[in-house]
C-alpha atoms as a PDB file:
ATOM      1  CA  UNK A   1      -4.070  13.259  -6.059  1.00  0.00           C
ATOM      2  CA  UNK A   2      -0.841  11.616  -7.124  1.00  0.00           C
ATOM      3  CA  UNK A   3      -0.190   9.170  -4.263  1.00  0.00           C
ATOM      4  CA  UNK A   4      -2.390   7.223  -1.849  1.00  0.00           C
ATOM      5  CA  UNK A   5      -1.039   5.250   1.085  1.00  0.00           C
ATOM      6  CA  UNK A   6      -3.320   2.663   2.646  1.00  0.00           C
ATOM      7  CA  UNK A   7      -2.613   1.303   6.094  1.00  0.00           C
ATOM      8  CA  UNK A   8      -4.864  -1.492   7.264  1.00  0.00           C
ATOM      9  CA  UNK A   9      -5.577  -3.854  10.085  1.00  0.00           C
ATOM     10  CA  UNK A  10      -5.476  -7.508   9.125  1.00  0.00           C
ATOM     11  CA  UNK A  11      -8.985  -8.615   8.235  1.00  0.00           C
ATOM     12  CA  UNK A  12     -10.255  -5.119   7.437  1.00  0.00           C
ATOM     13  CA  UNK A  13     -10.473  -5.860   3.670  1.00  0.00           C
ATOM     14  CA  UNK A  14      -7.649  -3.394   3.098  1.00  0.00           C
ATOM     15  CA  UNK A  15      -5.873  -5.422   0.419  1.00  0.00           C
ATOM     16  CA  UNK A  16      -8.898  -5.793  -1.848  1.00  0.00           C
ATOM     17  CA  UNK A  17      -9.991  -2.186  -1.304  1.00  0.00           C
ATOM     18  CA  UNK A  18      -6.528  -0.890  -2.189  1.00  0.00           C
ATOM     19  CA  UNK A  19      -6.472  -2.917  -5.399  1.00  0.00           C
ATOM     20  CA  UNK A  20      -9.930  -1.670  -6.416  1.00  0.00           C
ATOM     21  CA  UNK A  21      -8.944   1.932  -5.746  1.00  0.00           C
ATOM     22  CA  UNK A  22      -5.832   1.583  -7.914  1.00  0.00           C
ATOM     23  CA  UNK A  23      -7.761  -0.144 -10.685  1.00  0.00           C
ATOM     24  CA  UNK A  24     -10.550   2.446 -10.739  1.00  0.00           C
ATOM     25  CA  UNK A  25      -8.176   5.425 -10.735  1.00  0.00           C
ATOM     26  CA  UNK A  26      -5.807   3.820 -13.229  1.00  0.00           C
ATOM     27  CA  UNK A  27      -2.990   4.008 -10.662  1.00  0.00           C
ATOM     28  CA  UNK A  28      -0.091   1.652 -10.157  1.00  0.00           C
ATOM     29  CA  UNK A  29      -0.495  -0.745  -7.236  1.00  0.00           C
ATOM     30  CA  UNK A  30       2.486  -1.228  -4.936  1.00  0.00           C
ATOM     31  CA  UNK A  31       2.489  -3.787  -2.140  1.00  0.00           C
ATOM     32  CA  UNK A  32       4.836  -5.987  -0.133  1.00  0.00           C
ATOM     33  CA  UNK A  33       5.724  -8.121  -3.154  1.00  0.00           C
ATOM     34  CA  UNK A  34       6.610  -5.127  -5.323  1.00  0.00           C
ATOM     35  CA  UNK A  35       8.757  -3.473  -2.672  1.00  0.00           C
ATOM     36  CA  UNK A  36      10.462  -6.787  -1.945  1.00  0.00           C
ATOM     37  CA  UNK A  37      11.281  -7.097  -5.645  1.00  0.00           C
ATOM     38  CA  UNK A  38      13.054  -3.730  -5.680  1.00  0.00           C
ATOM     39  CA  UNK A  39      14.855  -4.402  -2.397  1.00  0.00           C
ATOM     40  CA  UNK A  40      15.994  -7.749  -3.774  1.00  0.00           C
ATOM     41  CA  UNK A  41      17.681  -5.999  -6.684  1.00  0.00           C
ATOM     42  CA  UNK A  42      19.778  -4.124  -4.154  1.00  0.00           C
ATOM     43  CA  UNK A  43      20.655  -7.266  -2.253  1.00  0.00           C
ATOM     44  CA  UNK A  44      18.125  -6.912   0.574  1.00  0.00           C
ATOM     45  CA  UNK A  45      16.523 -10.307   0.115  1.00  0.00           C
ATOM     46  CA  UNK A  46      15.894 -10.847   3.838  1.00  0.00           C
ATOM     47  CA  UNK A  47      13.648  -7.856   4.436  1.00  0.00           C
ATOM     48  CA  UNK A  48      10.464  -9.884   4.897  1.00  0.00           C
ATOM     49  CA  UNK A  49      12.258 -12.140   7.367  1.00  0.00           C
ATOM     50  CA  UNK A  50      13.454  -9.106   9.314  1.00  0.00           C
ATOM     51  CA  UNK A  51       9.948  -7.618   9.180  1.00  0.00           C
ATOM     52  CA  UNK A  52       8.472 -10.720  10.760  1.00  0.00           C
ATOM     53  CA  UNK A  53      11.210 -11.047  13.395  1.00  0.00           C
ATOM     54  CA  UNK A  54      11.820  -7.762  15.140  1.00  0.00           C
ATOM     55  CA  UNK A  55      14.843  -7.536  17.473  1.00  0.00           C
ATOM     56  CA  UNK A  56      14.715  -9.032  20.930  1.00  0.00           C
ATOM     57  CA  UNK A  57      15.878  -7.056  23.957  1.00  0.00           C
ATOM     58  CA  UNK A  58      19.427  -8.407  23.724  1.00  0.00           C
ATOM     59  CA  UNK A  59      19.635  -8.019  19.954  1.00  0.00           C
ATOM     60  CA  UNK A  60      19.157  -4.290  20.415  1.00  0.00           C
ATOM     61  CA  UNK A  61      22.658  -4.239  21.933  1.00  0.00           C
ATOM     62  CA  UNK A  62      24.164  -5.866  18.830  1.00  0.00           C
ATOM     63  CA  UNK A  63      25.674  -2.819  17.091  1.00  0.00           C
ATOM     64  CA  UNK A  64      26.365  -4.622  13.832  1.00  0.00           C
ATOM     65  CA  UNK A  65      22.859  -6.032  13.573  1.00  0.00           C
ATOM     66  CA  UNK A  66      21.369  -2.651  14.441  1.00  0.00           C
ATOM     67  CA  UNK A  67      23.451  -0.983  11.734  1.00  0.00           C
ATOM     68  CA  UNK A  68      22.288  -3.551   9.174  1.00  0.00           C
ATOM     69  CA  UNK A  69      18.672  -2.891  10.106  1.00  0.00           C
ATOM     70  CA  UNK A  70      19.172   0.865   9.835  1.00  0.00           C
ATOM     71  CA  UNK A  71      20.655   0.503   6.354  1.00  0.00           C
ATOM     72  CA  UNK A  72      17.788  -1.773   5.321  1.00  0.00           C
ATOM     73  CA  UNK A  73      15.179   0.663   6.637  1.00  0.00           C
ATOM     74  CA  UNK A  74      16.876   3.536   4.829  1.00  0.00           C
ATOM     75  CA  UNK A  75      16.654   1.558   1.604  1.00  0.00           C
ATOM     76  CA  UNK A  76      12.978   0.776   2.241  1.00  0.00           C
ATOM     77  CA  UNK A  77      12.294   4.487   2.683  1.00  0.00           C
ATOM     78  CA  UNK A  78      14.152   5.280  -0.530  1.00  0.00           C
ATOM     79  CA  UNK A  79      12.069   2.744  -2.458  1.00  0.00           C
ATOM     80  CA  UNK A  80       8.805   4.184  -1.127  1.00  0.00           C
ATOM     81  CA  UNK A  81       9.940   7.729  -1.937  1.00  0.00           C
ATOM     82  CA  UNK A  82      10.987   6.690  -5.454  1.00  0.00           C
ATOM     83  CA  UNK A  83       7.596   5.076  -6.052  1.00  0.00           C
ATOM     84  CA  UNK A  84       5.845   8.216  -4.789  1.00  0.00           C
ATOM     85  CA  UNK A  85       8.012  10.405  -7.005  1.00  0.00           C
ATOM     86  CA  UNK A  86       6.944   8.318 -10.017  1.00  0.00           C
ATOM     87  CA  UNK A  87       3.350   9.239  -9.155  1.00  0.00           C
ATOM     88  CA  UNK A  88      -0.160   7.869  -9.697  1.00  0.00           C
ATOM     89  CA  UNK A  89       0.321   5.052  -7.234  1.00  0.00           C
ATOM     90  CA  UNK A  90      -1.464   3.318  -4.382  1.00  0.00           C
ATOM     91  CA  UNK A  91       1.011   2.119  -1.759  1.00  0.00           C
ATOM     92  CA  UNK A  92      -0.305  -0.631   0.494  1.00  0.00           C
ATOM     93  CA  UNK A  93       1.305  -0.981   3.912  1.00  0.00           C
ATOM     94  CA  UNK A  94       5.018  -0.823   4.693  1.00  0.00           C
ATOM     95  CA  UNK A  95       4.447   2.370   6.745  1.00  0.00           C
ATOM     96  CA  UNK A  96       4.019   4.505   3.641  1.00  0.00           C
ATOM     97  CA  UNK A  97       1.951   6.930   5.714  1.00  0.00           C
ATOM     98  CA  UNK A  98       4.968   7.628   7.927  1.00  0.00           C
ATOM     99  CA  UNK A  99       7.592   7.785   5.186  1.00  0.00           C
ATOM    100  CA  UNK A 100       5.497  10.208   3.100  1.00  0.00           C
ATOM    101  CA  UNK A 101       3.877  12.095   5.945  1.00  0.00           C
ATOM    102  CA  UNK A 102       5.499  15.397   5.011  1.00  0.00           C
ATOM    103  CA  UNK A 103       4.208  15.666   1.435  1.00  0.00           C
ATOM    104  CA  UNK A 104       1.124  17.646   0.451  1.00  0.00           C
ATOM    105  CA  UNK A 105      -0.010  15.538  -2.505  1.00  0.00           C
ATOM    106  CA  UNK A 106      -0.342  12.259  -0.592  1.00  0.00           C
ATOM    107  CA  UNK A 107      -3.658  10.966   0.740  1.00  0.00           C
ATOM    108  CA  UNK A 108      -3.165   8.780   3.813  1.00  0.00           C
ATOM    109  CA  UNK A 109      -5.900   6.236   4.504  1.00  0.00           C
ATOM    110  CA  UNK A 110      -6.350   3.820   7.395  1.00  0.00           C
ATOM    111  CA  UNK A 111      -8.774   0.907   7.186  1.00  0.00           C
ATOM    112  CA  UNK A 112      -9.778  -0.823  10.395  1.00  0.00           C
ATOM    113  CA  UNK A 113     -12.552  -2.892  11.928  1.00  0.00           C
ATOM    114  CA  UNK A 114     -13.460  -4.320  15.344  1.00  0.00           C
ATOM    115  CA  UNK A 115     -11.382  -7.329  16.338  1.00  0.00           C
ATOM    116  CA  UNK A 116     -14.337  -9.738  16.339  1.00  0.00           C
ATOM    117  CA  UNK A 117     -15.316  -8.657  12.826  1.00  0.00           C
ATOM    118  CA  UNK A 118     -11.810  -9.235  11.544  1.00  0.00           C
ATOM    119  CA  UNK A 119     -11.559 -12.681  13.109  1.00  0.00           C
ATOM    120  CA  UNK A 120     -14.912 -13.618  11.605  1.00  0.00           C
ATOM    121  CA  UNK A 121     -13.805 -12.508   8.154  1.00  0.00           C
ATOM    122  CA  UNK A 122     -10.572 -14.474   8.376  1.00  0.00           C
ATOM    123  CA  UNK A 123     -12.506 -17.578   9.452  1.00  0.00           C
ATOM    124  CA  UNK A 124     -14.815 -17.247   6.465  1.00  0.00           C
ATOM    125  CA  UNK A 125     -12.194 -16.328   3.860  1.00  0.00           C
ATOM    126  CA  UNK A 126      -9.578 -18.879   4.861  1.00  0.00           C
ATOM    127  CA  UNK A 127     -12.006 -21.606   5.967  1.00  0.00           C
ATOM    128  CA  UNK A 128     -10.314 -22.081   9.317  1.00  0.00           C
ATOM    129  CA  UNK A 129     -11.702 -22.531  12.855  1.00  0.00           C
ATOM    130  CA  UNK A 130     -11.982 -19.716  15.367  1.00  0.00           C
ATOM    131  CA  UNK A 131      -8.820 -20.682  17.278  1.00  0.00           C
ATOM    132  CA  UNK A 132      -6.631 -20.469  14.172  1.00  0.00           C
ATOM    133  CA  UNK A 133      -8.206 -17.233  12.955  1.00  0.00           C
ATOM    134  CA  UNK A 134      -7.892 -15.669  16.395  1.00  0.00           C
ATOM    135  CA  UNK A 135      -4.198 -16.589  16.626  1.00  0.00           C
ATOM    136  CA  UNK A 136      -3.516 -15.372  13.083  1.00  0.00           C
ATOM    137  CA  UNK A 137      -5.128 -11.968  13.602  1.00  0.00           C
ATOM    138  CA  UNK A 138      -3.279 -11.495  16.901  1.00  0.00           C
ATOM    139  CA  UNK A 139       0.044 -12.333  15.268  1.00  0.00           C
ATOM    140  CA  UNK A 140      -0.535 -10.041  12.282  1.00  0.00           C
ATOM    141  CA  UNK A 141      -1.523  -7.213  14.629  1.00  0.00           C
ATOM    142  CA  UNK A 142       1.592  -7.786  16.733  1.00  0.00           C
ATOM    143  CA  UNK A 143       3.950  -7.696  13.759  1.00  0.00           C
ATOM    144  CA  UNK A 144       2.452  -4.585  12.164  1.00  0.00           C
ATOM    145  CA  UNK A 145       2.277  -2.678  15.418  1.00  0.00           C
ATOM    146  CA  UNK A 146       5.839  -3.624  16.356  1.00  0.00           C
ATOM    147  CA  UNK A 147       7.210  -2.628  12.951  1.00  0.00           C
ATOM    148  CA  UNK A 148       5.677   0.854  13.010  1.00  0.00           C
ATOM    149  CA  UNK A 149       6.501   1.519  16.649  1.00  0.00           C
ATOM    150  CA  UNK A 150      10.005   0.015  16.587  1.00  0.00           C
ATOM    151  CA  UNK A 151      11.358   1.627  13.429  1.00  0.00           C
ATOM    152  CA  UNK A 152       9.304   4.797  13.050  1.00  0.00           C
ATOM    153  CA  UNK A 153       8.543   5.512  16.701  1.00  0.00           C
ATOM    154  CA  UNK A 154       4.935   6.117  15.711  1.00  0.00           C
ATOM    155  CA  UNK A 155       1.997   4.759  17.752  1.00  0.00           C
ATOM    156  CA  UNK A 156       0.120   2.187  15.662  1.00  0.00           C
ATOM    157  CA  UNK A 157      -3.264   3.184  17.033  1.00  0.00           C
ATOM    158  CA  UNK A 158      -2.922   6.935  16.453  1.00  0.00           C
ATOM    159  CA  UNK A 159      -5.143   8.429  13.764  1.00  0.00           C
ATOM    160  CA  UNK A 160      -3.555  11.871  13.507  1.00  0.00           C
ATOM    161  CA  UNK A 161      -1.297  10.704  10.678  1.00  0.00           C
ATOM    162  CA  UNK A 162      -4.262   9.847   8.439  1.00  0.00           C
ATOM    163  CA  UNK A 163      -6.554  11.955   6.289  1.00  0.00           C
ATOM    164  CA  UNK A 164      -9.285   9.335   6.117  1.00  0.00           C
ATOM    165  CA  UNK A 165     -10.033   6.587   8.654  1.00  0.00           C
ATOM    166  CA  UNK A 166     -12.726   4.061   7.784  1.00  0.00           C
ATOM    167  CA  UNK A 167     -14.254   1.343   9.962  1.00  0.00           C
ATOM    168  CA  UNK A 168     -15.071  -1.413   7.471  1.00  0.00           C
ATOM    169  CA  UNK A 169     -17.015  -3.187  10.181  1.00  0.00           C
ATOM    170  CA  UNK A 170     -19.752  -0.592   9.668  1.00  0.00           C
ATOM    171  CA  UNK A 171     -18.941   0.847   6.248  1.00  0.00           C
ATOM    172  CA  UNK A 172     -19.215  -1.727   3.475  1.00  0.00           C
ATOM    173  CA  UNK A 173     -15.928  -2.235   1.563  1.00  0.00           C
ATOM    174  CA  UNK A 174     -17.477  -1.003  -1.707  1.00  0.00           C
ATOM    175  CA  UNK A 175     -18.526   2.230  -0.033  1.00  0.00           C
ATOM    176  CA  UNK A 176     -15.107   2.602   1.582  1.00  0.00           C
ATOM    177  CA  UNK A 177     -13.558   2.168  -1.863  1.00  0.00           C
ATOM    178  CA  UNK A 178     -15.757   4.914  -3.289  1.00  0.00           C
ATOM    179  CA  UNK A 179     -14.935   7.251  -0.403  1.00  0.00           C
ATOM    180  CA  UNK A 180     -11.212   6.867  -1.024  1.00  0.00           C
ATOM    181  CA  UNK A 181     -11.634   7.426  -4.752  1.00  0.00           C
ATOM    182  CA  UNK A 182     -13.739  10.543  -4.194  1.00  0.00           C
ATOM    183  CA  UNK A 183     -11.223  11.869  -1.669  1.00  0.00           C
ATOM    184  CA  UNK A 184      -8.329  11.263  -4.052  1.00  0.00           C
ATOM    185  CA  UNK A 185     -10.074  13.139  -6.839  1.00  0.00           C
ATOM    186  CA  UNK A 186     -10.871  16.208  -4.732  1.00  0.00           C
ATOM    187  CA  UNK A 187      -8.078  16.304  -2.147  1.00  0.00           C
ATOM    188  CA  UNK A 188      -5.549  17.821  -4.548  1.00  0.00           C
ATOM    189  CA  UNK A 189      -7.527  21.073  -4.631  1.00  0.00           C
ATOM    190  CA  UNK A 190      -6.947  21.575  -0.906  1.00  0.00           C
ATOM    191  CA  UNK A 191      -3.242  20.818  -0.537  1.00  0.00           C
ATOM    192  CA  UNK A 192      -1.584  22.220   2.561  1.00  0.00           C
ATOM    193  CA  UNK A 193       0.316  25.430   1.906  1.00  0.00           C
ATOM    194  CA  UNK A 194       4.022  25.217   2.590  1.00  0.00           C
ATOM    195  CA  UNK A 195       4.398  21.466   2.291  1.00  0.00           C
ATOM    196  CA  UNK A 196       6.468  20.030  -0.581  1.00  0.00           C
ATOM    197  CA  UNK A 197       4.996  17.613  -3.101  1.00  0.00           C
ATOM    198  CA  UNK A 198       6.354  14.226  -4.091  1.00  0.00           C
ATOM    199  CA  UNK A 199       7.679  15.775  -7.317  1.00  0.00           C
ATOM    200  CA  UNK A 200      10.368  17.425  -5.174  1.00  0.00           C
ATOM    201  CA  UNK A 201      11.771  14.098  -3.934  1.00  0.00           C
ATOM    202  CA  UNK A 202      15.303  13.532  -5.174  1.00  0.00           C
ATOM    203  CA  UNK A 203      15.681  10.014  -6.544  1.00  0.00           C
ATOM    204  CA  UNK A 204      18.917   8.653  -7.976  1.00  0.00           C
ATOM    205  CA  UNK A 205      18.753   7.559 -11.588  1.00  0.00           C
ATOM    206  CA  UNK A 206      19.349   3.858 -10.957  1.00  0.00           C
ATOM    207  CA  UNK A 207      16.577   3.665  -8.359  1.00  0.00           C
ATOM    208  CA  UNK A 208      14.187   5.587 -10.601  1.00  0.00           C
ATOM    209  CA  UNK A 209      14.902   3.219 -13.491  1.00  0.00           C
ATOM    210  CA  UNK A 210      14.414   0.163 -11.268  1.00  0.00           C
ATOM    211  CA  UNK A 211      11.012   1.459 -10.138  1.00  0.00           C
ATOM    212  CA  UNK A 212       9.928   2.368 -13.677  1.00  0.00           C
ATOM    213  CA  UNK A 213      10.965  -1.057 -14.954  1.00  0.00           C
ATOM    214  CA  UNK A 214       9.107  -2.859 -12.157  1.00  0.00           C
ATOM    215  CA  UNK A 215       6.018  -0.725 -12.763  1.00  0.00           C
ATOM    216  CA  UNK A 216       6.387  -1.253 -16.521  1.00  0.00           C
ATOM    217  CA  UNK A 217       5.948   2.490 -16.975  1.00  0.00           C
ATOM    218  CA  UNK A 218       8.493   5.058 -18.120  1.00  0.00           C
ATOM    219  CA  UNK A 219       6.206   8.031 -17.652  1.00  0.00           C
ATOM    220  CA  UNK A 220       6.480  10.133 -14.489  1.00  0.00           C
ATOM    221  CA  UNK A 221       2.965  11.149 -13.380  1.00  0.00           C
ATOM    222  CA  UNK A 222       3.262  14.566 -11.742  1.00  0.00           C
END
């Protein structure tokens, strides 16, 4: 398996699991910071701000602002596709599951947990009271759901887009990590017939070089 996308609910241990999967498989790890770095090279330094502040009702009627968002989203998709084309990568968040949904050699994983479990974890990890943890989880859920549903028209709660869905409230994170690794190592033998692979993605030379430089790897893993 060349590419793994990991979508996660806040507080589901998705970040640490994704890093462990990448480390164990010897894959590159791509997250918000990495993608922001590439977008910044193209002048899209406000992506994170836009991600956190989705358009209001009236802003949707601002044609110029809508065009700017469309261009930014197109660039985000191009970055994710370029990373996937490079290969041997774990992509955390940023709707990678939707952008790469049509490729056979991508394993799409969703990590989730009951709301109360996630709030409890955030309380423990960040050493904050229940009220703060509760508000933080609600806000993170709102932003992630709005981003996926606003820009990709995909329901956040749907599981059809994923190959593996794990409830880390019942499955220990270490076991979830092992499941993903095992799936990645065997999934390639059962690729869907008729679907293209990420090797077929056309990436312009400048973008490919920017990704390789950021990954510190000039080898395409296909």
